[in-house]
C-alpha atoms as a PDB file:
ATOM      1  CA  MET A   1       0.000   0.000   0.000  1.00  0.00           C
ATOM      2  CA  LEU A   2       2.860   2.379   0.877  1.00  0.00           C
ATOM      3  CA  MET A   3       4.552   1.690  -2.449  1.00  0.00           C
ATOM      4  CA  LEU A   4       1.325   2.386  -4.305  1.00  0.00           C
ATOM      5  CA  ALA A   5       0.967   5.723  -2.503  1.00  0.00           C
ATOM      6  CA  ILE A   6       4.553   6.733  -3.310  1.00  0.00           C
ATOM      7  CA  THR A   7       4.063   5.720  -6.953  1.00  0.00           C
ATOM      8  CA  ALA A   8       0.877   7.795  -7.148  1.00  0.00           C
ATOM      9  CA  LEU A   9       2.660  10.829  -5.692  1.00  0.00           C
ATOM     10  CA  LEU A  10       5.538  10.491  -8.141  1.00  0.00           C
ATOM     11  CA  PHE A  11       3.122  10.161 -11.047  1.00  0.00           C
ATOM     12  CA  ALA A  12       1.220  13.246  -9.937  1.00  0.00           C
ATOM     13  CA  ALA A  13       4.464  15.204  -9.629  1.00  0.00           C
ATOM     14  CA  CYS A  14       5.501  14.206 -13.142  1.00  0.00           C
ATOM     15  CA  THR A  15       2.214  15.317 -14.653  1.00  0.00           C
ATOM     16  CA  LYS A  16       2.743  18.778 -13.157  1.00  0.00           C
ATOM     17  CA  GLU A  17       6.282  19.202 -14.478  1.00  0.00           C
ATOM     18  CA  ARG A  18       6.919  22.686 -15.794  1.00  0.00           C
ATOM     19  CA  PHE A  19       9.481  23.489 -18.471  1.00  0.00           C
ATOM     20  CA  ILE A  20      11.442  26.735 -18.479  1.00  0.00           C
ATOM     21  CA  ASP A  21      10.836  27.414 -22.177  1.00  0.00           C
ATOM     22  CA  GLN A  22       7.062  27.249 -21.829  1.00  0.00           C
ATOM     23  CA  PRO A  23       5.094  30.528 -21.668  1.00  0.00           C
ATOM     24  CA  GLY A  24       4.960  32.141 -18.260  1.00  0.00           C
ATOM     25  CA  ASN A  25       7.421  29.876 -16.473  1.00  0.00           C
ATOM     26  CA  LEU A  26      10.642  31.876 -16.857  1.00  0.00           C
ATOM     27  CA  VAL A  27       9.460  35.313 -18.010  1.00  0.00           C
ATOM     28  CA  PRO A  28       6.006  36.956 -18.219  1.00  0.00           C
ATOM     29  CA  LYS A  29       3.655  35.897 -21.009  1.00  0.00           C
ATOM     30  CA  THR A  30       3.175  38.060 -24.080  1.00  0.00           C
ATOM     31  CA  VAL A  31      -0.171  39.456 -25.269  1.00  0.00           C
ATOM     32  CA  ASP A  32      -0.758  36.586 -27.714  1.00  0.00           C
ATOM     33  CA  GLN A  33      -0.321  34.163 -24.780  1.00  0.00           C
ATOM     34  CA  ASP A  34      -2.321  36.083 -22.152  1.00  0.00           C
ATOM     35  CA  ALA A  35      -5.689  37.523 -23.194  1.00  0.00           C
ATOM     36  CA  SER A  36      -5.911  39.589 -19.996  1.00  0.00           C
ATOM     37  CA  LEU A  37      -3.167  41.946 -21.209  1.00  0.00           C
ATOM     38  CA  VAL A  38      -4.198  45.119 -23.045  1.00  0.00           C
ATOM     39  CA  SER A  39      -3.266  44.973 -26.716  1.00  0.00           C
ATOM     40  CA  ILE A  40      -3.834  46.253 -30.236  1.00  0.00           C
ATOM     41  CA  THR A  41      -3.075  44.554 -33.550  1.00  0.00           C
ATOM     42  CA  VAL A  42      -0.928  46.481 -36.016  1.00  0.00           C
ATOM     43  CA  ASN A  43       0.486  45.156 -39.297  1.00  0.00           C
ATOM     44  CA  GLY A  44      -0.008  41.534 -38.282  1.00  0.00           C
ATOM     45  CA  ALA A  45       1.519  41.876 -34.810  1.00  0.00           C
ATOM     46  CA  MET A  46      -0.205  41.900 -31.451  1.00  0.00           C
ATOM     47  CA  LEU A  47       1.287  44.768 -29.457  1.00  0.00           C
ATOM     48  CA  HIS A  48       1.042  45.424 -25.748  1.00  0.00           C
ATOM     49  CA  ALA A  49      -0.366  48.964 -25.746  1.00  0.00           C
ATOM     50  CA  GLU A  50      -2.507  51.405 -23.788  1.00  0.00           C
ATOM     51  CA  ALA A  51      -3.514  55.057 -23.948  1.00  0.00           C
ATOM     52  CA  PHE A  52      -4.447  57.757 -21.448  1.00  0.00           C
ATOM     53  CA  GLY A  53      -6.190  61.104 -21.751  1.00  0.00           C
ATOM     54  CA  PRO A  54      -8.936  62.498 -24.047  1.00  0.00           C
ATOM     55  CA  SER A  55      -9.085  60.491 -27.279  1.00  0.00           C
ATOM     56  CA  ASP A  56      -9.450  63.553 -29.520  1.00  0.00           C
ATOM     57  CA  SER A  57      -6.593  65.566 -27.974  1.00  0.00           C
ATOM     58  CA  THR A  58      -3.080  65.957 -29.365  1.00  0.00           C
ATOM     59  CA  LEU A  59      -1.452  62.533 -29.610  1.00  0.00           C
ATOM     60  CA  ILE A  60       1.846  61.882 -27.829  1.00  0.00           C
ATOM     61  CA  ILE A  61       3.405  58.543 -28.793  1.00  0.00           C
ATOM     62  CA  VAL A  62       6.051  57.301 -26.326  1.00  0.00           C
ATOM     63  CA  LEU A  63       8.837  55.115 -27.763  1.00  0.00           C
ATOM     64  CA  HIS A  64      10.890  52.934 -25.431  1.00  0.00           C
ATOM     65  CA  GLY A  65      14.547  52.007 -25.634  1.00  0.00           C
ATOM     66  CA  GLY A  66      16.313  48.811 -26.590  1.00  0.00           C
ATOM     67  CA  PRO A  67      15.854  47.551 -29.169  1.00  0.00           C
ATOM     68  CA  GLY A  68      13.908  45.029 -27.122  1.00  0.00           C
ATOM     69  CA  GLY A  69      12.953  47.084 -24.066  1.00  0.00           C
ATOM     70  CA  ASP A  70       9.437  47.954 -22.947  1.00  0.00           C
ATOM     71  CA  TYR A  71       7.543  51.064 -21.859  1.00  0.00           C
ATOM     72  CA  ARG A  72       7.174  50.283 -18.150  1.00  0.00           C
ATOM     73  CA  TYR A  73      10.003  52.621 -17.076  1.00  0.00           C
ATOM     74  CA  LEU A  74       8.446  55.471 -19.079  1.00  0.00           C
ATOM     75  CA  LEU A  75       5.028  55.397 -17.407  1.00  0.00           C
ATOM     76  CA  ASN A  76       5.635  58.734 -15.672  1.00  0.00           C
ATOM     77  CA  CYS A  77       4.649  60.164 -19.057  1.00  0.00           C
ATOM     78  CA  ARG A  78       1.060  59.333 -18.097  1.00  0.00           C
ATOM     79  CA  ASP A  79       1.130  62.668 -16.266  1.00  0.00           C
ATOM     80  CA  LEU A  80       0.836  64.372 -19.646  1.00  0.00           C
ATOM     81  CA  ALA A  81      -2.740  63.079 -19.832  1.00  0.00           C
ATOM     82  CA  GLU A  82      -3.598  65.327 -16.883  1.00  0.00           C
ATOM     83  CA  HIS A  83      -2.708  68.250 -19.145  1.00  0.00           C
ATOM     84  CA  GLU A  84      -5.231  67.195 -21.796  1.00  0.00           C
ATOM     85  CA  TYR A  85      -2.891  65.211 -24.034  1.00  0.00           C
ATOM     86  CA  ARG A  86      -3.621  61.739 -25.393  1.00  0.00           C
ATOM     87  CA  VAL A  87      -0.602  59.674 -24.339  1.00  0.00           C
ATOM     88  CA  VAL A  88       0.039  56.353 -26.066  1.00  0.00           C
ATOM     89  CA  PHE A  89       2.447  53.639 -24.939  1.00  0.00           C
ATOM     90  CA  TYR A  90       3.283  50.462 -26.821  1.00  0.00           C
ATOM     91  CA  ASP A  91       5.868  47.720 -26.654  1.00  0.00           C
ATOM     92  CA  GLN A  92       7.392  47.435 -30.106  1.00  0.00           C
ATOM     93  CA  ARG A  93       7.089  44.103 -31.899  1.00  0.00           C
ATOM     94  CA  GLY A  94       9.336  41.459 -30.401  1.00  0.00           C
ATOM     95  CA  SER A  95       9.764  43.645 -27.301  1.00  0.00           C
ATOM     96  CA  GLY A  96       8.341  43.779 -23.792  1.00  0.00           C
ATOM     97  CA  LEU A  97       5.010  41.971 -23.653  1.00  0.00           C
ATOM     98  CA  SER A  98       4.323  42.214 -27.395  1.00  0.00           C
ATOM     99  CA  GLN A  99       4.223  39.241 -29.749  1.00  0.00           C
ATOM    100  CA  ARG A 100       7.496  37.492 -30.634  1.00  0.00           C
ATOM    101  CA  PHE A 101       8.705  36.614 -34.134  1.00  0.00           C
ATOM    102  CA  PRO A 102      11.656  34.555 -35.496  1.00  0.00           C
ATOM    103  CA  GLN A 103      14.969  36.321 -35.988  1.00  0.00           C
ATOM    104  CA  LYS A 104      14.841  35.649 -39.737  1.00  0.00           C
ATOM    105  CA  SER A 105      11.575  37.584 -40.000  1.00  0.00           C
ATOM    106  CA  TYR A 106      13.756  40.663 -39.428  1.00  0.00           C
ATOM    107  CA  THR A 107      17.140  39.779 -40.898  1.00  0.00           C
ATOM    108  CA  SER A 108      15.626  38.402 -44.126  1.00  0.00           C
ATOM    109  CA  LEU A 109      14.297  41.914 -44.821  1.00  0.00           C
ATOM    110  CA  GLY A 110      17.765  43.459 -44.734  1.00  0.00           C
ATOM    111  CA  ILE A 111      17.570  47.214 -44.195  1.00  0.00           C
ATOM    112  CA  GLY A 112      13.810  46.776 -44.648  1.00  0.00           C
ATOM    113  CA  ALA A 113      13.675  45.574 -41.031  1.00  0.00           C
ATOM    114  CA  LEU A 114      13.829  49.243 -40.039  1.00  0.00           C
ATOM    115  CA  ASP A 115      10.965  50.031 -42.405  1.00  0.00           C
ATOM    116  CA  LEU A 116       9.002  47.396 -40.505  1.00  0.00           C
ATOM    117  CA  MET A 117       9.503  49.417 -37.311  1.00  0.00           C
ATOM    118  CA  TYR A 118       8.579  52.706 -39.013  1.00  0.00           C
ATOM    119  CA  ASP A 119       5.478  51.151 -40.571  1.00  0.00           C
ATOM    120  CA  GLU A 120       4.509  49.807 -37.167  1.00  0.00           C
ATOM    121  CA  LEU A 121       4.738  53.304 -35.686  1.00  0.00           C
ATOM    122  CA  SER A 122       2.548  54.590 -38.520  1.00  0.00           C
ATOM    123  CA  GLY A 123       0.059  51.854 -37.692  1.00  0.00           C
ATOM    124  CA  VAL A 124       0.005  52.783 -33.995  1.00  0.00           C
ATOM    125  CA  ILE A 125      -0.601  56.438 -34.867  1.00  0.00           C
ATOM    126  CA  ALA A 126      -3.408  55.457 -37.251  1.00  0.00           C
ATOM    127  CA  HIS A 127      -4.987  53.220 -34.615  1.00  0.00           C
ATOM    128  CA  TYR A 128      -5.264  55.994 -32.024  1.00  0.00           C
ATOM    129  CA  ARG A 129      -5.751  59.020 -34.273  1.00  0.00           C
ATOM    130  CA  THR A 130      -9.358  60.217 -34.412  1.00  0.00           C
ATOM    131  CA  SER A 131      -9.019  62.896 -37.097  1.00  0.00           C
ATOM    132  CA  LYS A 132      -6.539  64.179 -39.669  1.00  0.00           C
ATOM    133  CA  LYS A 133      -6.388  67.482 -37.795  1.00  0.00           C
ATOM    134  CA  GLN A 134      -5.118  65.811 -34.629  1.00  0.00           C
ATOM    135  CA  LYS A 135      -1.491  66.772 -33.954  1.00  0.00           C
ATOM    136  CA  VAL A 136       1.089  64.057 -33.335  1.00  0.00           C
ATOM    137  CA  PHE A 137       4.127  64.418 -31.067  1.00  0.00           C
ATOM    138  CA  LEU A 138       6.791  61.767 -30.482  1.00  0.00           C
ATOM    139  CA  ILE A 139       8.784  61.164 -27.294  1.00  0.00           C
ATOM    140  CA  GLY A 140      11.657  58.752 -27.823  1.00  0.00           C
ATOM    141  CA  HIS A 141      14.150  57.469 -25.280  1.00  0.00           C
ATOM    142  CA  SER A 142      17.500  55.924 -26.274  1.00  0.00           C
ATOM    143  CA  TRP A 143      16.774  53.522 -29.170  1.00  0.00           C
ATOM    144  CA  GLY A 144      13.268  55.008 -29.166  1.00  0.00           C
ATOM    145  CA  ALA A 145      14.815  58.429 -29.823  1.00  0.00           C
ATOM    146  CA  MET A 146      16.633  56.987 -32.833  1.00  0.00           C
ATOM    147  CA  LEU A 147      13.400  55.435 -34.079  1.00  0.00           C
ATOM    148  CA  ALA A 148      11.487  58.689 -33.540  1.00  0.00           C
ATOM    149  CA  THR A 149      14.155  60.678 -35.408  1.00  0.00           C
ATOM    150  CA  GLY A 150      14.200  58.239 -38.306  1.00  0.00           C
ATOM    151  CA  TYR A 151      10.423  58.405 -38.504  1.00  0.00           C
ATOM    152  CA  ALA A 152      10.337  62.222 -38.476  1.00  0.00           C
ATOM    153  CA  ALA A 153      13.003  62.236 -41.183  1.00  0.00           C
ATOM    154  CA  ARG A 154      10.890  59.979 -43.398  1.00  0.00           C
ATOM    155  CA  HIS A 155       7.530  61.541 -42.556  1.00  0.00           C
ATOM    156  CA  PRO A 156       8.338  65.183 -41.681  1.00  0.00           C
ATOM    157  CA  GLY A 157       4.776  66.358 -42.267  1.00  0.00           C
ATOM    158  CA  ALA A 158       3.243  63.659 -40.073  1.00  0.00           C
ATOM    159  CA  VAL A 159       4.896  64.808 -36.854  1.00  0.00           C
ATOM    160  CA  GLN A 160       4.358  68.226 -35.277  1.00  0.00           C
ATOM    161  CA  GLY A 161       6.750  67.822 -32.343  1.00  0.00           C
ATOM    162  CA  LEU A 162       9.772  65.682 -31.489  1.00  0.00           C
ATOM    163  CA  VAL A 163      11.330  65.011 -28.079  1.00  0.00           C
ATOM    164  CA  VAL A 164      14.460  62.851 -27.966  1.00  0.00           C
ATOM    165  CA  CYS A 165      16.169  61.603 -24.815  1.00  0.00           C
ATOM    166  CA  GLU A 166      19.800  60.496 -25.157  1.00  0.00           C
ATOM    167  CA  PRO A 167      19.836  58.701 -28.499  1.00  0.00           C
ATOM    168  CA  GLY A 168      23.145  56.849 -28.607  1.00  0.00           C
ATOM    169  CA  GLY A 169      23.723  58.127 -32.113  1.00  0.00           C
ATOM    170  CA  PHE A 170      22.102  58.412 -35.526  1.00  0.00           C
ATOM    171  CA  LYS A 171      24.929  57.442 -37.871  1.00  0.00           C
ATOM    172  CA  TRP A 172      26.135  53.857 -37.426  1.00  0.00           C
ATOM    173  CA  ASP A 173      29.715  54.772 -36.471  1.00  0.00           C
ATOM    174  CA  ASP A 174      28.360  56.937 -33.629  1.00  0.00           C
ATOM    175  CA  ILE A 175      25.993  54.180 -32.515  1.00  0.00           C
ATOM    176  CA  GLU A 176      28.844  51.690 -32.282  1.00  0.00           C
ATOM    177  CA  LYS A 177      30.998  54.174 -30.368  1.00  0.00           C
ATOM    178  CA  TYR A 178      28.252  54.884 -27.847  1.00  0.00           C
ATOM    179  CA  VAL A 179      27.383  51.211 -27.321  1.00  0.00           C
ATOM    180  CA  SER A 180      31.066  50.449 -26.735  1.00  0.00           C
ATOM    181  CA  LYS A 181      31.467  53.323 -24.241  1.00  0.00           C
ATOM    182  CA  SER A 182      28.255  52.578 -22.364  1.00  0.00           C
ATOM    183  CA  GLN A 183      28.831  48.910 -21.501  1.00  0.00           C
ATOM    184  CA  SER A 184      29.975  48.664 -17.898  1.00  0.00           C
ATOM    185  CA  PHE A 185      30.573  44.902 -17.707  1.00  0.00           C
ATOM    186  CA  LYS A 186      34.115  43.700 -18.304  1.00  0.00           C
ATOM    187  CA  LEU A 187      35.347  40.248 -19.288  1.00  0.00           C
ATOM    188  CA  TRP A 188      35.355  38.875 -15.735  1.00  0.00           C
ATOM    189  CA  SER A 189      32.650  41.082 -14.252  1.00  0.00           C
ATOM    190  CA  GLU A 190      29.911  39.643 -12.045  1.00  0.00           C
ATOM    191  CA  SER A 191      27.114  40.450 -14.503  1.00  0.00           C
ATOM    192  CA  LEU A 192      28.878  38.770 -17.429  1.00  0.00           C
ATOM    193  CA  ASN A 193      29.854  35.809 -15.263  1.00  0.00           C
ATOM    194  CA  ASP A 194      26.229  35.400 -14.200  1.00  0.00           C
ATOM    195  CA  ALA A 195      25.105  35.117 -17.812  1.00  0.00           C
ATOM    196  CA  THR A 196      27.921  32.852 -19.014  1.00  0.00           C
ATOM    197  CA  TYR A 197      27.593  30.618 -15.943  1.00  0.00           C
ATOM    198  CA  MET A 198      23.945  30.128 -16.866  1.00  0.00           C
ATOM    199  CA  ASP A 199      25.042  28.843 -20.291  1.00  0.00           C
ATOM    200  CA  GLN A 200      26.152  25.643 -18.593  1.00  0.00           C
ATOM    201  CA  PHE A 201      22.578  24.904 -17.575  1.00  0.00           C
ATOM    202  CA  LEU A 202      20.333  27.219 -19.589  1.00  0.00           C
ATOM    203  CA  SER A 203      20.951  27.560 -23.303  1.00  0.00           C
ATOM    204  CA  GLY A 204      18.619  28.292 -26.166  1.00  0.00           C
ATOM    205  CA  ASN A 205      18.624  28.533 -29.936  1.00  0.00           C
ATOM    206  CA  GLU A 206      18.100  31.813 -31.748  1.00  0.00           C
ATOM    207  CA  ASP A 207      14.299  31.668 -31.462  1.00  0.00           C
ATOM    208  CA  GLN A 208      13.776  30.280 -27.946  1.00  0.00           C
ATOM    209  CA  HIS A 209      12.435  33.609 -26.757  1.00  0.00           C
ATOM    210  CA  GLU A 210      11.725  32.760 -23.122  1.00  0.00           C
ATOM    211  CA  ILE A 211      15.263  31.556 -22.398  1.00  0.00           C
ATOM    212  CA  LEU A 212      16.989  34.275 -24.434  1.00  0.00           C
ATOM    213  CA  ASP A 213      14.855  37.050 -22.938  1.00  0.00           C
ATOM    214  CA  TYR A 214      15.683  35.852 -19.429  1.00  0.00           C
ATOM    215  CA  LYS A 215      19.423  35.792 -20.097  1.00  0.00           C
ATOM    216  CA  PHE A 216      19.323  39.165 -21.852  1.00  0.00           C
ATOM    217  CA  ALA A 217      17.681  40.676 -18.778  1.00  0.00           C
ATOM    218  CA  LEU A 218      20.589  39.443 -16.642  1.00  0.00           C
ATOM    219  CA  LEU A 219      23.110  41.359 -18.740  1.00  0.00           C
ATOM    220  CA  ALA A 220      20.939  44.493 -18.764  1.00  0.00           C
ATOM    221  CA  ALA A 221      20.346  44.507 -15.006  1.00  0.00           C
ATOM    222  CA  LYS A 222      22.640  47.378 -14.006  1.00  0.00           C
ATOM    223  CA  ASP A 223      25.060  49.687 -15.771  1.00  0.00           C
ATOM    224  CA  GLU A 224      27.408  51.782 -13.685  1.00  0.00           C
ATOM    225  CA  ILE A 225      28.439  53.935 -16.638  1.00  0.00           C
ATOM    226  CA  THR A 226      25.020  55.048 -17.840  1.00  0.00           C
ATOM    227  CA  GLY A 227      23.416  55.010 -14.393  1.00  0.00           C
ATOM    228  CA  GLU A 228      20.699  52.538 -15.395  1.00  0.00           C
ATOM    229  CA  ASP A 229      19.383  50.119 -12.756  1.00  0.00           C
ATOM    230  CA  ASN A 230      16.854  47.572 -13.955  1.00  0.00           C
ATOM    231  CA  THR A 231      16.950  45.791 -10.602  1.00  0.00           C
ATOM    232  CA  ARG A 232      14.566  48.393  -9.182  1.00  0.00           C
ATOM    233  CA  PRO A 233      10.889  47.405  -8.888  1.00  0.00           C
ATOM    234  CA  GLY A 234       8.822  48.545 -11.844  1.00  0.00           C
ATOM    235  CA  SER A 235      11.763  49.100 -14.183  1.00  0.00           C
ATOM    236  CA  PHE A 236      10.662  46.653 -16.905  1.00  0.00           C
ATOM    237  CA  TRP A 237       8.408  43.715 -17.701  1.00  0.00           C
ATOM    238  CA  ARG A 238      10.407  41.626 -20.155  1.00  0.00           C
ATOM    239  CA  SER A 239      13.344  41.995 -22.515  1.00  0.00           C
ATOM    240  CA  GLY A 240      13.287  41.161 -26.231  1.00  0.00           C
ATOM    241  CA  ALA A 241      16.579  39.455 -26.991  1.00  0.00           C
ATOM    242  CA  VAL A 242      15.820  38.241 -30.517  1.00  0.00           C
ATOM    243  CA  ILE A 243      14.814  41.596 -31.982  1.00  0.00           C
ATOM    244  CA  ASN A 244      17.783  43.224 -30.249  1.00  0.00           C
ATOM    245  CA  THR A 245      20.156  40.766 -31.896  1.00  0.00           C
ATOM    246  CA  ALA A 246      18.385  40.979 -35.250  1.00  0.00           C
ATOM    247  CA  LEU A 247      18.383  44.770 -35.503  1.00  0.00           C
ATOM    248  CA  PHE A 248      22.035  44.988 -34.479  1.00  0.00           C
ATOM    249  CA  LYS A 249      22.882  42.446 -37.189  1.00  0.00           C
ATOM    250  CA  VAL A 250      21.012  44.605 -39.700  1.00  0.00           C
ATOM    251  CA  GLY A 251      22.871  47.666 -38.453  1.00  0.00           C
ATOM    252  CA  GLN A 252      26.268  46.025 -38.695  1.00  0.00           C
ATOM    253  CA  THR A 253      25.555  44.931 -42.254  1.00  0.00           C
ATOM    254  CA  TYR A 254      23.864  48.019 -43.686  1.00  0.00           C
ATOM    255  CA  HIS A 255      25.120  50.900 -41.481  1.00  0.00           C
ATOM    256  CA  PRO A 256      21.869  52.902 -41.397  1.00  0.00           C
ATOM    257  CA  ASP A 257      21.748  56.637 -40.778  1.00  0.00           C
ATOM    258  CA  PHE A 258      18.646  57.472 -38.725  1.00  0.00           C
ATOM    259  CA  SER A 259      19.168  61.186 -39.322  1.00  0.00           C
ATOM    260  CA  ALA A 260      19.113  60.937 -43.117  1.00  0.00           C
ATOM    261  CA  GLY A 261      16.488  63.443 -44.265  1.00  0.00           C
ATOM    262  CA  ILE A 262      15.931  65.024 -40.842  1.00  0.00           C
ATOM    263  CA  SER A 263      16.841  68.397 -42.370  1.00  0.00           C
ATOM    264  CA  GLN A 264      13.354  68.282 -43.922  1.00  0.00           C
ATOM    265  CA  PHE A 265      11.826  68.362 -40.435  1.00  0.00           C
ATOM    266  CA  ALA A 266      11.190  72.058 -39.872  1.00  0.00           C
ATOM    267  CA  LYS A 267       9.939  71.988 -36.275  1.00  0.00           C
ATOM    268  CA  PRO A 268      12.247  72.653 -33.306  1.00  0.00           C
ATOM    269  CA  VAL A 269      13.380  69.568 -31.417  1.00  0.00           C
ATOM    270  CA  LEU A 270      13.620  69.179 -27.641  1.00  0.00           C
ATOM    271  CA  PHE A 271      16.725  67.143 -26.767  1.00  0.00           C
ATOM    272  CA  PHE A 272      17.354  65.777 -23.255  1.00  0.00           C
ATOM    273  CA  CYS A 273      20.589  64.415 -21.836  1.00  0.00           C
ATOM    274  CA  SER A 274      21.467  63.398 -18.286  1.00  0.00           C
ATOM    275  CA  GLU A 275      24.137  64.502 -15.851  1.00  0.00           C
ATOM    276  CA  LYS A 276      25.221  61.064 -14.608  1.00  0.00           C
ATOM    277  CA  ASN A 277      25.565  59.128 -17.850  1.00  0.00           C
ATOM    278  CA  LYS A 278      29.350  58.958 -18.148  1.00  0.00           C
ATOM    279  CA  ALA A 279      29.079  57.847 -21.769  1.00  0.00           C
ATOM    280  CA  TYR A 280      27.134  61.013 -22.642  1.00  0.00           C
ATOM    281  CA  PRO A 281      29.339  64.039 -21.893  1.00  0.00           C
ATOM    282  CA  ASP A 282      28.354  67.494 -23.109  1.00  0.00           C
ATOM    283  CA  SER A 283      30.555  67.116 -26.168  1.00  0.00           C
ATOM    284  CA  TRP A 284      28.673  63.978 -27.226  1.00  0.00           C
ATOM    285  CA  ALA A 285      25.282  65.590 -26.589  1.00  0.00           C
ATOM    286  CA  HIS A 286      26.236  68.542 -28.808  1.00  0.00           C
ATOM    287  CA  HIS A 287      27.650  66.213 -31.476  1.00  0.00           C
ATOM    288  CA  ILE A 288      24.491  64.092 -31.697  1.00  0.00           C
ATOM    289  CA  SER A 289      22.029  66.994 -31.406  1.00  0.00           C
ATOM    290  CA  ASP A 290      23.752  68.801 -34.294  1.00  0.00           C
ATOM    291  CA  ALA A 291      21.703  66.586 -36.623  1.00  0.00           C
ATOM    292  CA  PHE A 292      18.662  68.820 -36.086  1.00  0.00           C
ATOM    293  CA  ASN A 293      17.957  72.201 -37.699  1.00  0.00           C
ATOM    294  CA  THR A 294      16.724  73.814 -34.488  1.00  0.00           C
ATOM    295  CA  VAL A 295      17.305  72.127 -31.145  1.00  0.00           C
ATOM    296  CA  ASP A 296      16.822  72.979 -27.479  1.00  0.00           C
ATOM    297  CA  LEU A 297      19.387  70.924 -25.541  1.00  0.00           C
ATOM    298  CA  PHE A 298      18.566  70.419 -21.866  1.00  0.00           C
ATOM    299  CA  LYS A 299      20.582  68.468 -19.279  1.00  0.00           C
ATOM    300  CA  VAL A 300      18.601  66.843 -16.465  1.00  0.00           C
ATOM    301  CA  PRO A 301      20.643  67.036 -13.231  1.00  0.00           C
ATOM    302  CA  GLY A 302      21.153  64.230 -10.733  1.00  0.00           C
ATOM    303  CA  VAL A 303      20.091  61.294 -12.909  1.00  0.00           C
ATOM    304  CA  GLY A 304      21.448  58.811 -15.432  1.00  0.00           C
ATOM    305  CA  HIS A 305      20.205  57.558 -18.780  1.00  0.00           C
ATOM    306  CA  ASP A 306      16.744  56.256 -17.776  1.00  0.00           C
ATOM    307  CA  GLY A 307      16.241  58.756 -14.980  1.00  0.00           C
ATOM    308  CA  ILE A 308      15.390  61.562 -17.399  1.00  0.00           C
ATOM    309  CA  ILE A 309      11.871  60.122 -17.309  1.00  0.00           C
ATOM    310  CA  SER A 310      11.863  57.269 -14.781  1.00  0.00           C
ATOM    311  CA  ASP A 311      13.106  59.272 -11.782  1.00  0.00           C
ATOM    312  CA  LYS A 312       9.953  60.739 -10.225  1.00  0.00           C
ATOM    313  CA  THR A 313      11.639  63.832  -8.783  1.00  0.00           C
ATOM    314  CA  ALA A 314      13.581  64.716 -11.934  1.00  0.00           C
ATOM    315  CA  TRP A 315      10.501  64.050 -14.022  1.00  0.00           C
ATOM    316  CA  ALA A 316       8.204  66.244 -11.947  1.00  0.00           C
ATOM    317  CA  GLN A 317      10.636  69.100 -11.399  1.00  0.00           C
ATOM    318  CA  LYS A 318      12.625  69.221 -14.645  1.00  0.00           C
ATOM    319  CA  THR A 319      11.555  66.984 -17.523  1.00  0.00           C
ATOM    320  CA  LEU A 320       7.773  67.349 -17.383  1.00  0.00           C
ATOM    321  CA  PRO A 321       7.741  71.176 -17.112  1.00  0.00           C
ATOM    322  CA  LYS A 322      10.201  71.411 -20.004  1.00  0.00           C
ATOM    323  CA  MET A 323       8.094  69.095 -22.153  1.00  0.00           C
ATOM    324  CA  LEU A 324       4.896  70.978 -21.378  1.00  0.00           C
ATOM    325  CA  THR A 325       6.474  74.296 -22.338  1.00  0.00           C
ATOM    326  CA  TYR A 326       7.668  72.732 -25.590  1.00  0.00           C
ATOM    327  CA  PHE A 327       4.369  71.054 -26.513  1.00  0.00           C
ATOM    328  CA  ASN A 328       2.328  74.139 -25.622  1.00  0.00           C
ATOM    329  CA  SER A 329       4.482  76.235 -27.949  1.00  0.00           C
ATOM    330  CA  LEU A 330       3.681  74.153 -31.019  1.00  0.00           C
END
């Protein structure tokens, strides 16, 4: 009888076995896996997205960093809704809690992978826009600032205001320089050791999103150079490792220039940088912001790369008032 009971318990335990590469076991589920998450469908992709404020007011689209980040750390921008703006957040395809796609779905497009991201932004704008007279402003942070700039360069008449927060660069040589300067982990650092140690037990192919996203988050946990700290509660939901790898492969092959055509954008640009990002000295901020015809360059004191928006005090006292003055002037 005892042996039968033990056998039954073992059998029950086996039937409840959970595998790390199954949805929800290692990282949060995406919108196509969890119907309770808010989402929209744009160009064949389910995107984690939400909007705040009056639907017919000026649209402000918020673009997160990465590639492969999510908008959780940018949610202070919801405060703009209290000033009668319609504020839209979305996780880009393959990022955050949005739907995942194979790496080849990006790399097979070549430089067209960037057009996919621009077309997606157009689709998000179209989804939330209620009339052709409705103004559209973009707020982009880091990679999101590069995406916003590239979009404004390609569609200068579609955007009435542009806010960029510490884009690493626009020309590929500058992007590579910034990425190299901003990585704080060294060959034998704890963060890199954590990730490579995991390779002994936790490895995945190029499209095993759950495993790769988990490992990518380990490497992106904290950066002493830029001042980022993704170990803080509420800093992010989930990383997108595959799209990050894919878009960097595209960049390394085709050397895109996100500022190509930005001279056609006639509106002034509000450009934020941070005091504590060691990879973003004043000289670099001036070098990158020179891409714009008219630019207002503003340094946010006391914070690093993400803190321009994510730090509640800096946001309330510096960034938000500056943005409101800018938007109200347009």
